Amino acid sequence: MKKHILIFSVISLLSAAIYAQEATPRANARQKAQRARIAEGRVDGDLTNAEAAALNRQQRHIRRTERRAKADGTVTVAEKRKINRKQNRASRNIRRAKNNSITPAN
């Protein structure tokens, strides 16, 4: 009996962890797109090293928030809203940094 309980608990923990990884597919896709925009800005010369570092720091902060939301196995609507709001702000910051008049020093 103890063996069955142990197996059941391990399986349920693993399934919760797998579900938590996929609980925010939209946020994951946005995160990937924003990182690509930052990398593209560096290659094109639209972003300075300092701007890219600040934007990457912001992306790490968003990823940390997402990990905390997933930690208990469920991502609530409020947590998704919070992540989305942070991603909107990051997207706005990327656009502004890429389109400002500051050019990287070569």
N, C-alpha and C. Protein backbone atom coordinates (compact mmCIF):
# COMPACT_ATOMS: atom_id res chain seq x y z
N MET A 1 0.82 -1.20 0.00
CA MET A 1 0.00 0.00 0.00
C MET A 1 0.86 1.26 0.00
N LYS A 2 1.91 1.26 0.82
CA LYS A 2 2.79 2.42 0.88
C LYS A 2 3.48 2.65 -0.46
N LYS A 3 3.79 1.55 -1.13
CA LYS A 3 4.44 1.65 -2.43
C LYS A 3 3.53 2.34 -3.44
N HIS A 4 2.25 2.00 -3.42
CA HIS A 4 1.28 2.60 -4.33
C HIS A 4 1.11 4.10 -4.04
N ILE A 5 1.07 4.44 -2.78
CA ILE A 5 0.93 5.85 -2.40
C ILE A 5 2.15 6.64 -2.85
N LEU A 6 3.32 6.06 -2.67
CA LEU A 6 4.55 6.73 -3.08
C LEU A 6 4.59 6.92 -4.60
N ILE A 7 4.24 5.90 -5.34
CA ILE A 7 4.22 5.99 -6.81
C ILE A 7 3.20 7.02 -7.26
N PHE A 8 2.03 7.00 -6.66
CA PHE A 8 1.00 7.97 -7.03
C PHE A 8 1.45 9.40 -6.75
N SER A 9 2.07 9.62 -5.61
CA SER A 9 2.51 10.98 -5.26
C SER A 9 3.62 11.45 -6.20
N VAL A 10 4.54 10.58 -6.58
CA VAL A 10 5.61 10.95 -7.51
C VAL A 10 5.02 11.30 -8.87
N ILE A 11 4.09 10.49 -9.34
CA ILE A 11 3.46 10.75 -10.64
C ILE A 11 2.69 12.07 -10.61
N SER A 12 1.97 12.31 -9.55
CA SER A 12 1.19 13.56 -9.48
C SER A 12 2.11 14.77 -9.41
N LEU A 13 3.22 14.67 -8.70
CA LEU A 13 4.17 15.79 -8.65
C LEU A 13 4.79 16.04 -10.02
N LEU A 14 5.14 14.99 -10.72
CA LEU A 14 5.72 15.14 -12.05
C LEU A 14 4.71 15.74 -13.03
N SER A 15 3.48 15.30 -12.97
CA SER A 15 2.47 15.84 -13.87
C SER A 15 2.19 17.31 -13.56
N ALA A 16 2.22 17.69 -12.29
CA ALA A 16 2.03 19.09 -11.91
C ALA A 16 3.18 19.93 -12.43
N ALA A 17 4.40 19.41 -12.36
CA ALA A 17 5.56 20.15 -12.86
C ALA A 17 5.50 20.31 -14.37
N ILE A 18 5.06 19.27 -15.07
CA ILE A 18 4.95 19.35 -16.53
C ILE A 18 3.85 20.34 -16.90
N TYR A 19 2.73 20.30 -16.22
CA TYR A 19 1.65 21.24 -16.50
C TYR A 19 2.08 22.67 -16.24
N ALA A 20 2.82 22.88 -15.17
CA ALA A 20 3.28 24.23 -14.83
C ALA A 20 4.20 24.78 -15.91
N GLN A 21 4.98 23.92 -16.55
CA GLN A 21 5.86 24.39 -17.61
C GLN A 21 5.07 24.90 -18.80
N GLU A 22 3.92 24.33 -19.05
CA GLU A 22 3.11 24.71 -20.21
C GLU A 22 1.94 25.62 -19.84
N ALA A 23 1.90 26.10 -18.62
CA ALA A 23 0.77 26.91 -18.17
C ALA A 23 0.76 28.29 -18.83
N THR A 24 1.89 28.73 -19.37
CA THR A 24 1.96 30.06 -19.97
C THR A 24 2.61 30.01 -21.35
N PRO A 25 2.02 29.30 -22.31
CA PRO A 25 2.65 29.21 -23.63
C PRO A 25 2.71 30.56 -24.34
N ARG A 26 1.72 31.40 -24.17
CA ARG A 26 1.72 32.71 -24.81
C ARG A 26 2.85 33.58 -24.25
N ALA A 27 3.03 33.53 -22.93
CA ALA A 27 4.10 34.30 -22.30
C ALA A 27 5.46 33.80 -22.77
N ASN A 28 5.60 32.48 -22.91
CA ASN A 28 6.86 31.92 -23.38
C ASN A 28 7.17 32.38 -24.80
N ALA A 29 6.17 32.39 -25.66
CA ALA A 29 6.36 32.83 -27.05
C ALA A 29 6.74 34.31 -27.10
N ARG A 30 6.08 35.13 -26.30
CA ARG A 30 6.40 36.56 -26.26
C ARG A 30 7.81 36.79 -25.76
N GLN A 31 8.19 36.02 -24.74
CA GLN A 31 9.54 36.14 -24.17
C GLN A 31 10.58 35.85 -25.24
N LYS A 32 10.35 34.80 -26.01
CA LYS A 32 11.28 34.42 -27.07
C LYS A 32 11.35 35.50 -28.14
N ALA A 33 10.21 36.05 -28.52
CA ALA A 33 10.17 37.09 -29.54
C ALA A 33 10.88 38.36 -29.05
N GLN A 34 10.69 38.71 -27.80
CA GLN A 34 11.32 39.91 -27.27
C GLN A 34 12.83 39.75 -27.20
N ARG A 35 13.30 38.58 -26.81
CA ARG A 35 14.74 38.33 -26.79
C ARG A 35 15.32 38.43 -28.20
N ALA A 36 14.57 37.93 -29.18
CA ALA A 36 15.03 38.03 -30.58
C ALA A 36 15.09 39.48 -31.03
N ARG A 37 14.12 40.29 -30.62
CA ARG A 37 14.13 41.71 -30.97
C ARG A 37 15.33 42.42 -30.37
N ILE A 38 15.69 42.06 -29.15
CA ILE A 38 16.85 42.67 -28.50
C ILE A 38 18.13 42.27 -29.25
N ALA A 39 18.25 40.99 -29.58
CA ALA A 39 19.43 40.51 -30.32
C ALA A 39 19.51 41.18 -31.68
N GLU A 40 18.39 41.31 -32.34
CA GLU A 40 18.34 41.97 -33.65
C GLU A 40 18.76 43.43 -33.54
N GLY A 41 18.33 44.09 -32.48
CA GLY A 41 18.71 45.48 -32.25
C GLY A 41 20.21 45.64 -32.06
N ARG A 42 20.84 44.67 -31.39
CA ARG A 42 22.30 44.71 -31.21
C ARG A 42 23.00 44.52 -32.55
N VAL A 43 22.53 43.57 -33.34
CA VAL A 43 23.15 43.29 -34.64
C VAL A 43 23.00 44.48 -35.57
N ASP A 44 21.82 45.07 -35.61
CA ASP A 44 21.55 46.21 -36.50
C ASP A 44 22.22 47.50 -36.03
N GLY A 45 22.65 47.53 -34.78
CA GLY A 45 23.26 48.74 -34.24
C GLY A 45 22.24 49.72 -33.70
N ASP A 46 21.02 49.27 -33.51
CA ASP A 46 19.98 50.15 -32.96
C ASP A 46 20.07 50.26 -31.44
N LEU A 47 20.73 49.30 -30.80
CA LEU A 47 20.84 49.29 -29.34
C LEU A 47 22.31 49.38 -28.92
N THR A 48 22.57 50.16 -27.91
CA THR A 48 23.91 50.20 -27.33
C THR A 48 24.05 49.02 -26.38
N ASN A 49 25.27 48.78 -25.93
CA ASN A 49 25.50 47.70 -24.96
C ASN A 49 24.70 47.94 -23.69
N ALA A 50 24.69 49.18 -23.23
CA ALA A 50 23.97 49.51 -21.99
C ALA A 50 22.47 49.30 -22.16
N GLU A 51 21.92 49.71 -23.29
CA GLU A 51 20.49 49.52 -23.54
C GLU A 51 20.15 48.04 -23.59
N ALA A 52 20.96 47.27 -24.32
CA ALA A 52 20.71 45.83 -24.43
C ALA A 52 20.81 45.15 -23.06
N ALA A 53 21.78 45.57 -22.25
CA ALA A 53 21.93 44.99 -20.92
C ALA A 53 20.71 45.29 -20.06
N ALA A 54 20.21 46.52 -20.13
CA ALA A 54 19.03 46.89 -19.34
C ALA A 54 17.81 46.11 -19.80
N LEU A 55 17.65 45.95 -21.10
CA LEU A 55 16.50 45.20 -21.63
C LEU A 55 16.60 43.72 -21.27
N ASN A 56 17.80 43.16 -21.32
CA ASN A 56 17.98 41.76 -20.93
C ASN A 56 17.72 41.56 -19.45
N ARG A 57 18.09 42.55 -18.63
CA ARG A 57 17.80 42.49 -17.20
C ARG A 57 16.29 42.45 -16.98
N GLN A 58 15.58 43.26 -17.74
CA GLN A 58 14.12 43.29 -17.63
C GLN A 58 13.53 41.94 -18.04
N GLN A 59 14.09 41.31 -19.06
CA GLN A 59 13.61 39.99 -19.49
C GLN A 59 13.87 38.94 -18.41
N ARG A 60 15.02 39.02 -17.74
CA ARG A 60 15.30 38.09 -16.64
C ARG A 60 14.30 38.27 -15.51
N HIS A 61 13.94 39.51 -15.24
CA HIS A 61 12.97 39.79 -14.19
C HIS A 61 11.60 39.18 -14.53
N ILE A 62 11.21 39.29 -15.79
CA ILE A 62 9.94 38.70 -16.23
C ILE A 62 9.99 37.18 -16.10
N ARG A 63 11.11 36.60 -16.51
CA ARG A 63 11.25 35.15 -16.42
C ARG A 63 11.20 34.69 -14.96
N ARG A 64 11.80 35.46 -14.07
CA ARG A 64 11.78 35.14 -12.64
C ARG A 64 10.34 35.20 -12.11
N THR A 65 9.59 36.22 -12.53
CA THR A 65 8.20 36.35 -12.12
C THR A 65 7.39 35.15 -12.61
N GLU A 66 7.65 34.73 -13.83
CA GLU A 66 6.94 33.60 -14.40
C GLU A 66 7.27 32.31 -13.64
N ARG A 67 8.54 32.12 -13.29
CA ARG A 67 8.93 30.93 -12.52
C ARG A 67 8.25 30.91 -11.16
N ARG A 68 8.17 32.07 -10.53
CA ARG A 68 7.50 32.15 -9.22
C ARG A 68 6.03 31.82 -9.35
N ALA A 69 5.41 32.28 -10.44
CA ALA A 69 3.99 31.99 -10.65
C ALA A 69 3.76 30.50 -10.85
N LYS A 70 4.70 29.83 -11.51
CA LYS A 70 4.57 28.41 -11.79
C LYS A 70 4.97 27.53 -10.62
N ALA A 71 5.60 28.11 -9.61
CA ALA A 71 6.18 27.32 -8.52
C ALA A 71 5.16 26.45 -7.79
N ASP A 72 3.94 26.93 -7.63
CA ASP A 72 2.95 26.14 -6.90
C ASP A 72 2.16 25.20 -7.81
N GLY A 73 2.48 25.18 -9.09
CA GLY A 73 1.84 24.24 -10.01
C GLY A 73 0.69 24.83 -10.80
N THR A 74 0.16 25.97 -10.38
CA THR A 74 -0.91 26.62 -11.13
C THR A 74 -0.58 28.09 -11.30
N VAL A 75 -0.93 28.61 -12.46
CA VAL A 75 -0.74 30.03 -12.73
C VAL A 75 -2.13 30.65 -12.76
N THR A 76 -2.40 31.51 -11.81
CA THR A 76 -3.72 32.12 -11.72
C THR A 76 -3.89 33.19 -12.79
N VAL A 77 -5.12 33.62 -12.95
CA VAL A 77 -5.43 34.68 -13.92
C VAL A 77 -4.71 35.97 -13.54
N ALA A 78 -4.66 36.26 -12.25
CA ALA A 78 -3.97 37.47 -11.79
C ALA A 78 -2.48 37.39 -12.10
N GLU A 79 -1.88 36.22 -11.94
CA GLU A 79 -0.45 36.06 -12.24
C GLU A 79 -0.20 36.20 -13.73
N LYS A 80 -1.09 35.63 -14.56
CA LYS A 80 -0.95 35.78 -16.01
C LYS A 80 -1.07 37.25 -16.41
N ARG A 81 -2.00 37.95 -15.78
CA ARG A 81 -2.20 39.37 -16.06
C ARG A 81 -0.93 40.17 -15.70
N LYS A 82 -0.34 39.83 -14.56
CA LYS A 82 0.88 40.51 -14.11
C LYS A 82 2.03 40.27 -15.10
N ILE A 83 2.19 39.03 -15.54
CA ILE A 83 3.24 38.70 -16.50
C ILE A 83 3.00 39.44 -17.82
N ASN A 84 1.75 39.46 -18.26
CA ASN A 84 1.41 40.15 -19.51
C ASN A 84 1.70 41.64 -19.41
N ARG A 85 1.37 42.24 -18.28
CA ARG A 85 1.62 43.67 -18.07
C ARG A 85 3.12 43.97 -18.12
N LYS A 86 3.92 43.10 -17.51
CA LYS A 86 5.38 43.28 -17.53
C LYS A 86 5.92 43.11 -18.94
N GLN A 87 5.36 42.17 -19.69
CA GLN A 87 5.81 41.97 -21.06
C GLN A 87 5.41 43.15 -21.95
N ASN A 88 4.24 43.72 -21.71
CA ASN A 88 3.84 44.91 -22.47
C ASN A 88 4.82 46.06 -22.22
N ARG A 89 5.18 46.24 -20.96
CA ARG A 89 6.12 47.30 -20.60
C ARG A 89 7.48 47.05 -21.25
N ALA A 90 7.93 45.80 -21.23
CA ALA A 90 9.22 45.45 -21.84
C ALA A 90 9.20 45.68 -23.33
N SER A 91 8.10 45.32 -23.97
CA SER A 91 7.97 45.52 -25.41
C SER A 91 8.05 47.01 -25.76
N ARG A 92 7.37 47.81 -24.96
CA ARG A 92 7.41 49.26 -25.15
C ARG A 92 8.84 49.80 -24.98
N ASN A 93 9.54 49.29 -23.97
CA ASN A 93 10.92 49.71 -23.73
C ASN A 93 11.85 49.30 -24.87
N ILE A 94 11.64 48.12 -25.42
CA ILE A 94 12.45 47.66 -26.56
C ILE A 94 12.22 48.59 -27.75
N ARG A 95 10.96 48.88 -28.04
CA ARG A 95 10.64 49.75 -29.18
C ARG A 95 11.27 51.12 -29.00
N ARG A 96 11.15 51.67 -27.80
CA ARG A 96 11.71 53.01 -27.55
C ARG A 96 13.22 53.01 -27.66
N ALA A 97 13.87 51.98 -27.12
CA ALA A 97 15.34 51.92 -27.16
C ALA A 97 15.85 51.74 -28.59
N LYS A 98 15.12 50.95 -29.39
CA LYS A 98 15.56 50.73 -30.76
C LYS A 98 15.34 51.96 -31.65
N ASN A 99 14.40 52.79 -31.27
CA ASN A 99 14.06 53.94 -32.13
C ASN A 99 14.51 55.27 -31.58
N ASN A 100 15.32 55.28 -30.54
CA ASN A 100 15.82 56.56 -30.06
C ASN A 100 17.04 56.98 -30.90
N SER A 101 17.56 58.12 -30.65
CA SER A 101 18.64 58.64 -31.49
C SER A 101 20.03 58.27 -30.98
N ILE A 102 20.11 57.44 -29.94
CA ILE A 102 21.40 57.04 -29.39
C ILE A 102 21.98 55.93 -30.26
N THR A 103 23.21 56.13 -30.71
CA THR A 103 23.87 55.10 -31.52
C THR A 103 25.04 54.53 -30.75
N PRO A 104 25.33 53.24 -30.94
CA PRO A 104 26.44 52.63 -30.23
C PRO A 104 27.77 53.18 -30.68
N ALA A 105 28.70 53.33 -29.78
CA ALA A 105 30.05 53.77 -30.11
C ALA A 105 30.84 52.59 -30.62
N ASN A 106 31.46 52.75 -31.76
CA ASN A 106 32.25 51.63 -32.33
C ASN A 106 33.70 51.82 -32.12
